[in-house]
N, C-alpha and C. Protein backbone atom coordinates (compact mmCIF):
# COMPACT_ATOMS: atom_id res chain seq x y z
N MET A 1 20.91 23.37 36.54
CA MET A 1 20.93 23.58 35.12
C MET A 1 19.92 22.60 34.49
N PRO A 2 18.90 23.10 33.72
CA PRO A 2 17.90 22.21 33.15
C PRO A 2 18.50 21.36 32.02
N ARG A 3 18.07 20.14 32.01
CA ARG A 3 18.51 19.25 30.94
C ARG A 3 17.57 19.40 29.75
N ASN A 4 18.12 19.26 28.58
CA ASN A 4 17.28 19.29 27.39
C ASN A 4 16.58 17.96 27.26
N LYS A 5 15.26 18.02 27.21
CA LYS A 5 14.48 16.80 27.08
C LYS A 5 13.85 16.78 25.70
N LYS A 6 13.84 15.62 25.12
CA LYS A 6 13.15 15.47 23.85
C LYS A 6 11.66 15.46 24.13
N PRO A 7 10.86 16.05 23.22
CA PRO A 7 9.41 15.98 23.41
C PRO A 7 8.92 14.55 23.20
N LYS A 8 7.81 14.24 23.89
CA LYS A 8 7.23 12.91 23.71
C LYS A 8 6.76 12.76 22.28
N GLN A 9 7.14 11.67 21.68
CA GLN A 9 6.70 11.39 20.32
C GLN A 9 6.27 9.94 20.24
N ASP A 10 5.31 9.71 19.35
CA ASP A 10 4.93 8.33 19.10
C ASP A 10 6.02 7.70 18.27
N SER A 11 6.36 6.51 18.61
CA SER A 11 7.28 5.78 17.76
C SER A 11 6.46 5.01 16.76
N GLY A 12 6.73 5.23 15.50
CA GLY A 12 6.04 4.48 14.47
C GLY A 12 6.47 3.03 14.54
N PRO A 13 5.80 2.18 13.79
CA PRO A 13 6.12 0.76 13.84
C PRO A 13 7.58 0.46 13.52
N ALA A 14 8.20 1.24 12.64
CA ALA A 14 9.59 0.95 12.25
C ALA A 14 10.55 1.23 13.39
N GLY A 15 10.28 2.28 14.20
CA GLY A 15 11.21 2.65 15.25
C GLY A 15 10.81 2.18 16.64
N ALA A 16 9.73 1.45 16.73
CA ALA A 16 9.22 1.04 18.03
C ALA A 16 9.96 -0.20 18.55
N SER A 17 10.12 -0.23 19.86
CA SER A 17 10.75 -1.40 20.48
C SER A 17 9.73 -2.55 20.52
N GLN A 18 10.22 -3.72 20.78
CA GLN A 18 9.36 -4.90 20.88
C GLN A 18 8.32 -4.70 21.98
N ARG A 19 8.73 -4.09 23.07
CA ARG A 19 7.80 -3.87 24.19
C ARG A 19 6.72 -2.86 23.82
N GLN A 20 7.10 -1.79 23.14
CA GLN A 20 6.11 -0.80 22.70
C GLN A 20 5.08 -1.45 21.78
N LEU A 21 5.55 -2.26 20.86
CA LEU A 21 4.64 -2.93 19.93
C LEU A 21 3.70 -3.88 20.67
N ARG A 22 4.24 -4.63 21.63
CA ARG A 22 3.44 -5.60 22.38
C ARG A 22 2.38 -4.89 23.22
N VAL A 23 2.77 -3.84 23.93
CA VAL A 23 1.81 -3.11 24.77
C VAL A 23 0.76 -2.42 23.90
N GLY A 24 1.18 -1.85 22.79
CA GLY A 24 0.23 -1.23 21.87
C GLY A 24 -0.79 -2.23 21.36
N GLU A 25 -0.34 -3.42 21.05
CA GLU A 25 -1.23 -4.47 20.56
C GLU A 25 -2.19 -4.93 21.66
N LEU A 26 -1.72 -5.02 22.89
CA LEU A 26 -2.60 -5.39 24.01
C LEU A 26 -3.69 -4.33 24.20
N ILE A 27 -3.31 -3.06 24.11
CA ILE A 27 -4.29 -1.99 24.26
C ILE A 27 -5.28 -2.01 23.10
N ARG A 28 -4.78 -2.26 21.90
CA ARG A 28 -5.66 -2.32 20.73
C ARG A 28 -6.71 -3.42 20.90
N HIS A 29 -6.27 -4.59 21.36
CA HIS A 29 -7.22 -5.69 21.57
C HIS A 29 -8.22 -5.36 22.68
N ALA A 30 -7.76 -4.75 23.76
CA ALA A 30 -8.66 -4.39 24.86
C ALA A 30 -9.71 -3.38 24.39
N MET A 31 -9.27 -2.38 23.64
CA MET A 31 -10.20 -1.37 23.12
C MET A 31 -11.21 -2.00 22.16
N ALA A 32 -10.71 -2.83 21.26
CA ALA A 32 -11.60 -3.47 20.28
C ALA A 32 -12.64 -4.34 20.98
N GLU A 33 -12.21 -5.04 22.02
CA GLU A 33 -13.14 -5.89 22.76
C GLU A 33 -14.21 -5.05 23.47
N MET A 34 -13.80 -3.95 24.10
CA MET A 34 -14.77 -3.10 24.79
C MET A 34 -15.78 -2.52 23.80
N LEU A 35 -15.30 -2.09 22.65
CA LEU A 35 -16.21 -1.49 21.67
C LEU A 35 -17.12 -2.53 21.04
N SER A 36 -16.59 -3.70 20.75
CA SER A 36 -17.42 -4.73 20.11
C SER A 36 -18.49 -5.27 21.05
N ARG A 37 -18.22 -5.28 22.35
CA ARG A 37 -19.19 -5.76 23.33
C ARG A 37 -20.16 -4.68 23.80
N GLY A 38 -19.97 -3.47 23.32
CA GLY A 38 -20.87 -2.39 23.70
C GLY A 38 -20.71 -1.96 25.14
N GLU A 39 -19.50 -2.02 25.67
CA GLU A 39 -19.26 -1.69 27.08
C GLU A 39 -19.16 -0.19 27.33
N VAL A 40 -19.05 0.60 26.27
CA VAL A 40 -19.00 2.05 26.41
C VAL A 40 -20.40 2.57 26.13
N HIS A 41 -21.04 3.09 27.15
CA HIS A 41 -22.44 3.51 27.02
C HIS A 41 -22.50 4.98 26.61
N ASP A 42 -22.37 5.16 25.31
CA ASP A 42 -22.44 6.49 24.71
C ASP A 42 -23.21 6.32 23.40
N PRO A 43 -24.22 7.12 23.15
CA PRO A 43 -25.04 6.92 21.95
C PRO A 43 -24.25 7.01 20.64
N VAL A 44 -23.28 7.89 20.57
CA VAL A 44 -22.50 8.02 19.33
C VAL A 44 -21.67 6.76 19.10
N ILE A 45 -21.02 6.28 20.16
CA ILE A 45 -20.18 5.09 20.04
C ILE A 45 -21.03 3.85 19.79
N GLU A 46 -22.18 3.77 20.44
CA GLU A 46 -23.05 2.61 20.26
C GLU A 46 -23.61 2.52 18.85
N ASN A 47 -23.75 3.65 18.16
CA ASN A 47 -24.34 3.67 16.83
C ASN A 47 -23.31 3.58 15.71
N HIS A 48 -22.06 3.34 16.04
CA HIS A 48 -21.02 3.23 15.01
C HIS A 48 -20.21 1.96 15.21
N MET A 49 -19.83 1.35 14.12
CA MET A 49 -18.84 0.27 14.15
C MET A 49 -17.49 0.97 14.06
N ILE A 50 -16.64 0.80 15.06
CA ILE A 50 -15.38 1.52 15.12
C ILE A 50 -14.23 0.53 15.01
N THR A 51 -13.31 0.83 14.10
CA THR A 51 -12.12 0.00 13.90
C THR A 51 -10.95 0.66 14.61
N ILE A 52 -10.12 -0.16 15.26
CA ILE A 52 -8.89 0.31 15.90
C ILE A 52 -7.73 -0.33 15.13
N PRO A 53 -7.23 0.31 14.08
CA PRO A 53 -6.18 -0.33 13.29
C PRO A 53 -4.81 -0.32 13.95
N GLU A 54 -4.56 0.65 14.84
CA GLU A 54 -3.22 0.74 15.41
C GLU A 54 -3.23 1.52 16.72
N VAL A 55 -2.32 1.14 17.61
CA VAL A 55 -2.05 1.90 18.83
C VAL A 55 -0.55 2.10 18.91
N ARG A 56 -0.13 3.34 19.01
CA ARG A 56 1.30 3.64 19.12
C ARG A 56 1.61 4.11 20.54
N MET A 57 2.68 3.56 21.07
CA MET A 57 3.11 3.90 22.43
C MET A 57 4.35 4.76 22.38
N THR A 58 4.47 5.68 23.36
CA THR A 58 5.72 6.40 23.52
C THR A 58 6.74 5.44 24.12
N ALA A 59 8.01 5.81 24.05
CA ALA A 59 9.09 4.93 24.52
C ALA A 59 8.95 4.60 26.00
N ASP A 60 8.43 5.54 26.79
CA ASP A 60 8.29 5.30 28.23
C ASP A 60 6.96 4.61 28.58
N LEU A 61 6.16 4.28 27.58
CA LEU A 61 4.86 3.59 27.73
C LEU A 61 3.85 4.39 28.55
N LYS A 62 4.02 5.69 28.63
CA LYS A 62 3.10 6.51 29.43
C LYS A 62 2.00 7.15 28.60
N LEU A 63 2.11 7.08 27.27
CA LEU A 63 1.10 7.67 26.40
C LEU A 63 0.80 6.72 25.26
N ALA A 64 -0.47 6.42 25.09
CA ALA A 64 -0.92 5.57 23.99
C ALA A 64 -1.75 6.42 23.04
N THR A 65 -1.36 6.45 21.78
CA THR A 65 -2.15 7.13 20.76
C THR A 65 -2.94 6.06 20.04
N ILE A 66 -4.25 6.13 20.16
CA ILE A 66 -5.14 5.11 19.61
C ILE A 66 -5.76 5.68 18.33
N TYR A 67 -5.45 5.02 17.23
CA TYR A 67 -5.99 5.44 15.93
C TYR A 67 -7.30 4.72 15.70
N VAL A 68 -8.33 5.49 15.36
CA VAL A 68 -9.67 4.95 15.19
C VAL A 68 -10.24 5.35 13.84
N MET A 69 -11.15 4.52 13.34
CA MET A 69 -11.87 4.85 12.12
C MET A 69 -13.25 4.20 12.18
N PRO A 70 -14.29 5.04 12.16
CA PRO A 70 -15.64 4.47 12.10
C PRO A 70 -15.85 3.82 10.72
N LEU A 71 -16.65 2.78 10.70
CA LEU A 71 -16.93 2.08 9.46
C LEU A 71 -17.52 3.05 8.45
N GLY A 72 -16.95 3.06 7.27
CA GLY A 72 -17.40 3.98 6.23
C GLY A 72 -16.78 5.36 6.34
N GLY A 73 -16.01 5.61 7.39
CA GLY A 73 -15.35 6.91 7.55
C GLY A 73 -16.29 8.05 7.87
N LYS A 74 -17.51 7.73 8.32
CA LYS A 74 -18.49 8.78 8.61
C LYS A 74 -18.40 9.21 10.07
N ASP A 75 -18.67 10.47 10.32
CA ASP A 75 -18.76 11.04 11.67
C ASP A 75 -17.48 10.85 12.49
N VAL A 76 -16.34 10.99 11.86
CA VAL A 76 -15.06 10.76 12.54
C VAL A 76 -14.90 11.71 13.72
N LYS A 77 -15.19 12.99 13.52
CA LYS A 77 -15.00 13.98 14.59
C LYS A 77 -15.91 13.69 15.78
N GLU A 78 -17.15 13.31 15.50
CA GLU A 78 -18.09 13.02 16.58
C GLU A 78 -17.65 11.78 17.38
N VAL A 79 -17.16 10.77 16.65
CA VAL A 79 -16.71 9.54 17.32
C VAL A 79 -15.51 9.83 18.21
N ILE A 80 -14.55 10.60 17.69
CA ILE A 80 -13.36 10.93 18.49
C ILE A 80 -13.75 11.77 19.69
N ALA A 81 -14.68 12.70 19.51
CA ALA A 81 -15.15 13.52 20.64
C ALA A 81 -15.81 12.63 21.70
N SER A 82 -16.60 11.66 21.29
CA SER A 82 -17.25 10.75 22.25
C SER A 82 -16.23 9.88 22.96
N LEU A 83 -15.25 9.40 22.22
CA LEU A 83 -14.20 8.60 22.86
C LEU A 83 -13.43 9.46 23.88
N ASN A 84 -13.16 10.71 23.53
CA ASN A 84 -12.48 11.60 24.47
C ASN A 84 -13.34 11.88 25.69
N ASN A 85 -14.66 11.97 25.52
CA ASN A 85 -15.55 12.16 26.66
C ASN A 85 -15.54 10.96 27.60
N ASN A 86 -15.25 9.79 27.06
CA ASN A 86 -15.22 8.56 27.85
C ASN A 86 -13.80 8.10 28.15
N LYS A 87 -12.85 8.98 27.99
CA LYS A 87 -11.43 8.64 28.14
C LYS A 87 -11.11 8.10 29.53
N ARG A 88 -11.67 8.70 30.55
CA ARG A 88 -11.38 8.27 31.92
C ARG A 88 -11.83 6.83 32.15
N TYR A 89 -13.04 6.51 31.71
CA TYR A 89 -13.56 5.15 31.84
C TYR A 89 -12.69 4.18 31.05
N LEU A 90 -12.37 4.54 29.79
CA LEU A 90 -11.58 3.66 28.93
C LEU A 90 -10.19 3.40 29.50
N ARG A 91 -9.58 4.43 30.03
CA ARG A 91 -8.24 4.27 30.62
C ARG A 91 -8.31 3.32 31.83
N GLY A 92 -9.33 3.47 32.64
CA GLY A 92 -9.50 2.59 33.79
C GLY A 92 -9.71 1.14 33.37
N GLU A 93 -10.52 0.94 32.35
CA GLU A 93 -10.77 -0.42 31.85
C GLU A 93 -9.50 -1.03 31.26
N ILE A 94 -8.73 -0.23 30.53
CA ILE A 94 -7.47 -0.72 29.97
C ILE A 94 -6.54 -1.13 31.11
N ALA A 95 -6.49 -0.32 32.17
CA ALA A 95 -5.64 -0.63 33.32
C ALA A 95 -6.03 -1.96 33.97
N HIS A 96 -7.35 -2.25 34.02
CA HIS A 96 -7.81 -3.50 34.62
C HIS A 96 -7.49 -4.71 33.75
N ARG A 97 -7.52 -4.51 32.44
CA ARG A 97 -7.35 -5.63 31.51
C ARG A 97 -5.90 -5.94 31.19
N ILE A 98 -5.02 -4.97 31.33
CA ILE A 98 -3.62 -5.15 30.96
C ILE A 98 -2.76 -4.98 32.20
N ASN A 99 -1.86 -5.89 32.40
CA ASN A 99 -1.01 -5.87 33.58
C ASN A 99 0.21 -4.98 33.34
N LEU A 100 0.06 -3.70 33.64
CA LEU A 100 1.17 -2.74 33.52
C LEU A 100 1.36 -2.05 34.86
N LYS A 101 2.57 -1.57 35.07
CA LYS A 101 2.85 -0.86 36.31
C LYS A 101 2.02 0.42 36.41
N PHE A 102 1.92 1.15 35.28
CA PHE A 102 1.12 2.37 35.22
C PHE A 102 0.19 2.29 34.02
N ALA A 103 -1.01 2.78 34.20
CA ALA A 103 -1.93 2.85 33.06
C ALA A 103 -1.52 4.05 32.21
N PRO A 104 -1.33 3.86 30.93
CA PRO A 104 -0.90 4.98 30.09
C PRO A 104 -2.04 5.97 29.88
N ASP A 105 -1.67 7.23 29.70
CA ASP A 105 -2.65 8.21 29.24
C ASP A 105 -3.01 7.80 27.82
N ILE A 106 -4.24 8.10 27.42
CA ILE A 106 -4.64 7.73 26.06
C ILE A 106 -5.13 8.97 25.32
N ARG A 107 -4.90 8.95 24.02
CA ARG A 107 -5.46 9.99 23.16
C ARG A 107 -5.92 9.32 21.88
N PHE A 108 -6.91 9.92 21.26
CA PHE A 108 -7.51 9.33 20.08
C PHE A 108 -7.22 10.21 18.87
N ARG A 109 -6.90 9.55 17.77
CA ARG A 109 -6.63 10.24 16.51
C ARG A 109 -7.35 9.48 15.40
N ALA A 110 -7.75 10.21 14.37
CA ALA A 110 -8.35 9.57 13.20
C ALA A 110 -7.25 8.87 12.41
N ASP A 111 -7.54 7.68 11.96
CA ASP A 111 -6.59 6.94 11.13
C ASP A 111 -6.78 7.41 9.70
N GLU A 112 -5.79 8.08 9.18
CA GLU A 112 -5.90 8.68 7.84
C GLU A 112 -5.18 7.86 6.78
N ARG A 113 -4.76 6.65 7.12
CA ARG A 113 -4.06 5.83 6.14
C ARG A 113 -4.95 5.44 4.98
N PHE A 114 -6.24 5.20 5.24
CA PHE A 114 -7.15 4.82 4.16
C PHE A 114 -7.31 5.97 3.17
N ASP A 115 -7.45 7.19 3.69
CA ASP A 115 -7.56 8.35 2.82
C ASP A 115 -6.30 8.54 1.99
N GLU A 116 -5.15 8.36 2.62
CA GLU A 116 -3.88 8.51 1.91
C GLU A 116 -3.72 7.44 0.83
N ALA A 117 -4.10 6.21 1.12
CA ALA A 117 -4.01 5.14 0.13
C ALA A 117 -4.93 5.43 -1.06
N GLU A 118 -6.12 5.95 -0.78
CA GLU A 118 -7.05 6.29 -1.85
C GLU A 118 -6.50 7.43 -2.71
N ARG A 119 -5.88 8.40 -2.06
CA ARG A 119 -5.30 9.53 -2.81
C ARG A 119 -4.19 9.04 -3.73
N ILE A 120 -3.34 8.14 -3.24
CA ILE A 120 -2.25 7.60 -4.06
C ILE A 120 -2.82 6.77 -5.21
N GLU A 121 -3.85 5.99 -4.93
CA GLU A 121 -4.48 5.17 -5.97
C GLU A 121 -5.03 6.06 -7.08
N LYS A 122 -5.67 7.17 -6.72
CA LYS A 122 -6.19 8.10 -7.72
C LYS A 122 -5.06 8.70 -8.55
N LEU A 123 -3.96 9.04 -7.87
CA LEU A 123 -2.82 9.59 -8.61
C LEU A 123 -2.27 8.58 -9.61
N LEU A 124 -2.20 7.33 -9.20
CA LEU A 124 -1.66 6.31 -10.09
C LEU A 124 -2.55 6.07 -11.31
N ARG A 125 -3.83 6.40 -11.18
CA ARG A 125 -4.75 6.22 -12.31
C ARG A 125 -4.81 7.42 -13.25
N THR A 126 -4.13 8.51 -12.92
CA THR A 126 -4.16 9.69 -13.79
C THR A 126 -3.45 9.38 -15.11
N PRO A 127 -3.88 10.01 -16.20
CA PRO A 127 -3.27 9.74 -17.51
C PRO A 127 -1.75 10.01 -17.56
N GLN A 128 -1.30 11.04 -16.87
CA GLN A 128 0.13 11.38 -16.88
C GLN A 128 0.96 10.26 -16.27
N VAL A 129 0.52 9.74 -15.14
CA VAL A 129 1.28 8.68 -14.46
C VAL A 129 1.20 7.39 -15.27
N ARG A 130 0.03 7.07 -15.79
CA ARG A 130 -0.11 5.85 -16.59
C ARG A 130 0.79 5.91 -17.82
N ARG A 131 0.85 7.08 -18.45
CA ARG A 131 1.71 7.24 -19.63
C ARG A 131 3.17 7.00 -19.25
N ASP A 132 3.61 7.57 -18.12
CA ASP A 132 5.00 7.41 -17.68
C ASP A 132 5.31 5.97 -17.31
N VAL A 133 4.38 5.30 -16.66
CA VAL A 133 4.60 3.92 -16.25
C VAL A 133 4.67 3.00 -17.47
N GLU A 134 3.79 3.25 -18.43
CA GLU A 134 3.76 2.40 -19.63
C GLU A 134 4.97 2.62 -20.52
N SER A 135 5.61 3.79 -20.44
CA SER A 135 6.76 4.07 -21.30
C SER A 135 8.08 3.58 -20.72
N VAL A 136 8.09 3.12 -19.47
CA VAL A 136 9.31 2.61 -18.85
C VAL A 136 9.62 1.24 -19.43
N PRO A 137 10.85 1.04 -20.00
CA PRO A 137 11.18 -0.26 -20.57
C PRO A 137 11.34 -1.31 -19.47
N ASP A 138 10.99 -2.53 -19.80
CA ASP A 138 11.12 -3.65 -18.88
C ASP A 138 12.59 -4.02 -18.76
N GLU A 139 13.06 -4.29 -17.54
CA GLU A 139 14.47 -4.62 -17.32
C GLU A 139 14.89 -5.88 -18.06
N SER A 140 13.98 -6.80 -18.27
CA SER A 140 14.34 -8.04 -18.96
C SER A 140 14.67 -7.78 -20.42
N ASP A 141 14.17 -6.67 -21.02
CA ASP A 141 14.50 -6.32 -22.40
C ASP A 141 15.93 -5.86 -22.53
N ASP A 142 16.52 -5.29 -21.48
CA ASP A 142 17.88 -4.77 -21.53
C ASP A 142 18.91 -5.89 -21.52
N ASN A 143 18.58 -7.03 -20.97
CA ASN A 143 19.54 -8.10 -20.80
C ASN A 143 18.99 -9.40 -21.38
N PRO A 144 18.99 -9.54 -22.72
CA PRO A 144 18.36 -10.72 -23.32
C PRO A 144 19.08 -12.01 -22.99
N GLY A 145 20.38 -11.97 -22.65
CA GLY A 145 21.11 -13.20 -22.36
C GLY A 145 20.85 -13.71 -20.96
N GLY A 146 20.30 -12.89 -20.10
CA GLY A 146 20.01 -13.31 -18.74
C GLY A 146 21.22 -13.24 -17.82
N ASN A 147 22.35 -12.74 -18.25
CA ASN A 147 23.54 -12.62 -17.42
C ASN A 147 23.73 -11.24 -16.91
């Protein structure tokens, strides 16, 4: 009788174990070091400054999702495609640099947090939101005695 298995999911920072966070951070540092030293010989990667803001690990530490963002947010698809083309080399280098029983599979995703933050910032600057925020009374006005 087959057992129901949960699909592999990345644990976000809030739900991640201490070990997942530590391994993710080790992989992030290893990747950043390889990219900053120019150890990946690919013209697309060599011509971009790439930031690795986060690495999320699955609970079993067998899959690492590496979030990347080229400086200025330009050519994201090309950079991710180049990283995927060099995935085998990168996984091997990560395995050499980090002492784990098994080298995790890696996948690359665009880090969209900057875009989301910009979208929220634009929303907060709209006249409707500014009007609503300015019309909210200050809590200190409700309780002049301070009790």
